[in-house]
Amino acid sequence: MDDGRAPAPPPLDAVFRQSDAVVTRVVADETLLVPVSGELAHLQRIFVLNQLGAFLWQAFDGRTPLGHLVDAVTARFETDPDTARSDLLAFVDEMRAARLLDDVPLAAADDADDR
């Protein structure tokens, strides 16, 4: 039953990967995400990423936990950890809502690290 509340943010040990249902293109220094599954009407939902979004999008490799991304954002964009965590979780929420990110079970992420 949906009680109208937003879902809880994922834990910082959560791992995500880019969905196979999206194509990434860089055009004139802009990163574009184009959903490619379902109806062609989805072409109206092209996502244009800012620098932070493009950085995060490339980091969703199916191996890197969100906590490591907080550290990477803090260092790369010279921000504080609370802002980095807040920005990261907001981006993850938006990408998950658009079905552009897939959750990776922790065991699968651990297996990927062993390769």
C-alpha atoms as a PDB file:
ATOM      1  CA  MET A   1       0.000   0.000   0.000  1.00  0.00           C
ATOM      2  CA  ASP A   2       1.352   3.438  -0.971  1.00  0.00           C
ATOM      3  CA  ASP A   3       1.109   5.867   1.935  1.00  0.00           C
ATOM      4  CA  GLY A   4       2.352   8.849  -0.081  1.00  0.00           C
ATOM      5  CA  ARG A   5       5.755   9.002   1.587  1.00  0.00           C
ATOM      6  CA  ALA A   6       8.928   9.018  -0.453  1.00  0.00           C
ATOM      7  CA  PRO A   7      10.882   5.754  -0.285  1.00  0.00           C
ATOM      8  CA  ALA A   8      13.795   5.635   2.113  1.00  0.00           C
ATOM      9  CA  PRO A   9      17.109   6.576   0.502  1.00  0.00           C
ATOM     10  CA  PRO A  10      19.370   3.639  -0.317  1.00  0.00           C
ATOM     11  CA  PRO A  11      22.105   2.791   2.184  1.00  0.00           C
ATOM     12  CA  LEU A  12      25.624   3.984   1.399  1.00  0.00           C
ATOM     13  CA  ASP A  13      26.756   0.400   0.779  1.00  0.00           C
ATOM     14  CA  ALA A  14      24.225   0.101  -2.070  1.00  0.00           C
ATOM     15  CA  VAL A  15      25.590  -0.420  -5.571  1.00  0.00           C
ATOM     16  CA  PHE A  16      23.964   0.577  -8.871  1.00  0.00           C
ATOM     17  CA  ARG A  17      24.671   0.100 -12.539  1.00  0.00           C
ATOM     18  CA  GLN A  18      23.436   1.889 -15.627  1.00  0.00           C
ATOM     19  CA  SER A  19      20.345   0.241 -17.074  1.00  0.00           C
ATOM     20  CA  ASP A  20      20.630  -1.542 -20.404  1.00  0.00           C
ATOM     21  CA  ALA A  21      17.498   0.415 -21.381  1.00  0.00           C
ATOM     22  CA  VAL A  22      19.396   3.685 -21.776  1.00  0.00           C
ATOM     23  CA  VAL A  23      21.969   4.969 -24.253  1.00  0.00           C
ATOM     24  CA  THR A  24      24.547   7.541 -23.214  1.00  0.00           C
ATOM     25  CA  ARG A  25      25.859  10.077 -25.700  1.00  0.00           C
ATOM     26  CA  VAL A  26      28.168  13.058 -25.298  1.00  0.00           C
ATOM     27  CA  VAL A  27      27.283  15.897 -27.656  1.00  0.00           C
ATOM     28  CA  ALA A  28      29.071  19.256 -27.510  1.00  0.00           C
ATOM     29  CA  ASP A  29      30.386  18.558 -23.983  1.00  0.00           C
ATOM     30  CA  GLU A  30      26.900  17.618 -22.727  1.00  0.00           C
ATOM     31  CA  THR A  31      26.075  14.123 -21.518  1.00  0.00           C
ATOM     32  CA  LEU A  32      22.688  12.916 -22.757  1.00  0.00           C
ATOM     33  CA  LEU A  33      20.774   9.881 -21.515  1.00  0.00           C
ATOM     34  CA  VAL A  34      18.224   8.496 -23.939  1.00  0.00           C
ATOM     35  CA  PRO A  35      15.852   5.740 -22.766  1.00  0.00           C
ATOM     36  CA  VAL A  36      15.649   3.145 -25.566  1.00  0.00           C
ATOM     37  CA  SER A  37      13.135   0.609 -24.291  1.00  0.00           C
ATOM     38  CA  GLY A  38       9.393   0.819 -24.559  1.00  0.00           C
ATOM     39  CA  GLU A  39       7.517   3.255 -26.727  1.00  0.00           C
ATOM     40  CA  LEU A  40       9.164   5.876 -28.919  1.00  0.00           C
ATOM     41  CA  ALA A  41       7.349   8.433 -26.794  1.00  0.00           C
ATOM     42  CA  HIS A  42      10.243   8.003 -24.347  1.00  0.00           C
ATOM     43  CA  LEU A  43      12.352  10.085 -26.705  1.00  0.00           C
ATOM     44  CA  GLN A  44      10.586  13.027 -25.097  1.00  0.00           C
ATOM     45  CA  ARG A  45      12.425  12.056 -21.906  1.00  0.00           C
ATOM     46  CA  ILE A  46      16.008  12.779 -22.837  1.00  0.00           C
ATOM     47  CA  PHE A  47      18.070  13.620 -19.774  1.00  0.00           C
ATOM     48  CA  VAL A  48      20.816  16.246 -20.006  1.00  0.00           C
ATOM     49  CA  LEU A  49      23.329  15.863 -17.186  1.00  0.00           C
ATOM     50  CA  ASN A  50      25.326  18.595 -15.530  1.00  0.00           C
ATOM     51  CA  GLN A  51      28.989  17.992 -14.587  1.00  0.00           C
ATOM     52  CA  LEU A  52      28.090  16.259 -11.336  1.00  0.00           C
ATOM     53  CA  GLY A  53      25.452  14.094 -13.004  1.00  0.00           C
ATOM     54  CA  ALA A  54      27.855  13.074 -15.779  1.00  0.00           C
ATOM     55  CA  PHE A  55      30.539  12.210 -13.215  1.00  0.00           C
ATOM     56  CA  LEU A  56      28.111  10.115 -11.182  1.00  0.00           C
ATOM     57  CA  TRP A  57      26.605   8.441 -14.248  1.00  0.00           C
ATOM     58  CA  GLN A  58      30.034   7.156 -15.300  1.00  0.00           C
ATOM     59  CA  ALA A  59      30.633   5.889 -11.752  1.00  0.00           C
ATOM     60  CA  PHE A  60      27.538   3.649 -11.712  1.00  0.00           C
ATOM     61  CA  ASP A  61      29.594   0.638 -12.764  1.00  0.00           C
ATOM     62  CA  GLY A  62      27.936  -2.135 -10.757  1.00  0.00           C
ATOM     63  CA  ARG A  63      30.861  -2.307  -8.314  1.00  0.00           C
ATOM     64  CA  THR A  64      31.240   1.027  -6.527  1.00  0.00           C
ATOM     65  CA  PRO A  65      29.177   1.576  -3.365  1.00  0.00           C
ATOM     66  CA  LEU A  66      27.471   4.924  -2.866  1.00  0.00           C
ATOM     67  CA  GLY A  67      29.690   5.694   0.126  1.00  0.00           C
ATOM     68  CA  HIS A  68      32.754   5.661  -2.134  1.00  0.00           C
ATOM     69  CA  LEU A  69      30.950   7.986  -4.539  1.00  0.00           C
ATOM     70  CA  VAL A  70      30.300  10.441  -1.695  1.00  0.00           C
ATOM     71  CA  ASP A  71      34.059  10.522  -1.088  1.00  0.00           C
ATOM     72  CA  ALA A  72      34.778  10.937  -4.811  1.00  0.00           C
ATOM     73  CA  VAL A  73      32.268  13.789  -5.176  1.00  0.00           C
ATOM     74  CA  THR A  74      33.651  15.490  -2.071  1.00  0.00           C
ATOM     75  CA  ALA A  75      37.163  15.426  -3.511  1.00  0.00           C
ATOM     76  CA  ARG A  76      36.354  16.159  -7.175  1.00  0.00           C
ATOM     77  CA  PHE A  77      33.878  18.985  -6.604  1.00  0.00           C
ATOM     78  CA  GLU A  78      35.462  20.381  -3.430  1.00  0.00           C
ATOM     79  CA  THR A  79      32.297  20.172  -1.376  1.00  0.00           C
ATOM     80  CA  ASP A  80      31.478  18.910   2.084  1.00  0.00           C
ATOM     81  CA  PRO A  81      30.404  15.269   2.624  1.00  0.00           C
ATOM     82  CA  ASP A  82      26.832  16.187   3.669  1.00  0.00           C
ATOM     83  CA  THR A  83      26.240  18.149   0.453  1.00  0.00           C
ATOM     84  CA  ALA A  84      27.874  15.407  -1.629  1.00  0.00           C
ATOM     85  CA  ARG A  85      25.678  12.736   0.015  1.00  0.00           C
ATOM     86  CA  SER A  86      22.522  14.805  -0.425  1.00  0.00           C
ATOM     87  CA  ASP A  87      23.270  15.551  -4.101  1.00  0.00           C
ATOM     88  CA  LEU A  88      24.183  11.911  -4.790  1.00  0.00           C
ATOM     89  CA  LEU A  89      21.033  10.517  -3.181  1.00  0.00           C
ATOM     90  CA  ALA A  90      18.824  13.024  -5.012  1.00  0.00           C
ATOM     91  CA  PHE A  91      20.419  12.006  -8.318  1.00  0.00           C
ATOM     92  CA  VAL A  92      20.016   8.304  -7.524  1.00  0.00           C
ATOM     93  CA  ASP A  93      16.345   8.869  -6.666  1.00  0.00           C
ATOM     94  CA  GLU A  94      15.742  10.676  -9.954  1.00  0.00           C
ATOM     95  CA  MET A  95      17.539   8.056 -12.035  1.00  0.00           C
ATOM     96  CA  ARG A  96      15.777   5.178 -10.253  1.00  0.00           C
ATOM     97  CA  ALA A  97      12.384   6.842 -10.714  1.00  0.00           C
ATOM     98  CA  ALA A  98      13.124   7.093 -14.454  1.00  0.00           C
ATOM     99  CA  ARG A  99      14.258   3.436 -14.429  1.00  0.00           C
ATOM    100  CA  LEU A 100      17.715   4.370 -15.668  1.00  0.00           C
ATOM    101  CA  LEU A 101      19.591   2.690 -12.807  1.00  0.00           C
ATOM    102  CA  ASP A 102      19.509  -0.952 -11.760  1.00  0.00           C
ATOM    103  CA  ASP A 103      20.152  -2.099  -8.205  1.00  0.00           C
ATOM    104  CA  VAL A 104      23.035  -4.547  -7.909  1.00  0.00           C
ATOM    105  CA  PRO A 105      22.684  -7.118  -5.128  1.00  0.00           C
ATOM    106  CA  LEU A 106      25.599  -6.802  -2.722  1.00  0.00           C
ATOM    107  CA  ALA A 107      26.789 -10.365  -3.429  1.00  0.00           C
ATOM    108  CA  ALA A 108      26.973  -9.597  -7.168  1.00  0.00           C
ATOM    109  CA  ALA A 109      28.904  -6.389  -6.484  1.00  0.00           C
ATOM    110  CA  ASP A 110      31.331  -8.337  -4.284  1.00  0.00           C
ATOM    111  CA  ASP A 111      31.786 -10.925  -7.058  1.00  0.00           C
ATOM    112  CA  ALA A 112      32.561  -8.147  -9.555  1.00  0.00           C
ATOM    113  CA  ASP A 113      35.265  -6.838  -7.219  1.00  0.00           C
ATOM    114  CA  ASP A 114      36.885 -10.281  -7.174  1.00  0.00           C
ATOM    115  CA  ARG A 115      37.388 -10.313 -10.970  1.00  0.00           C
END
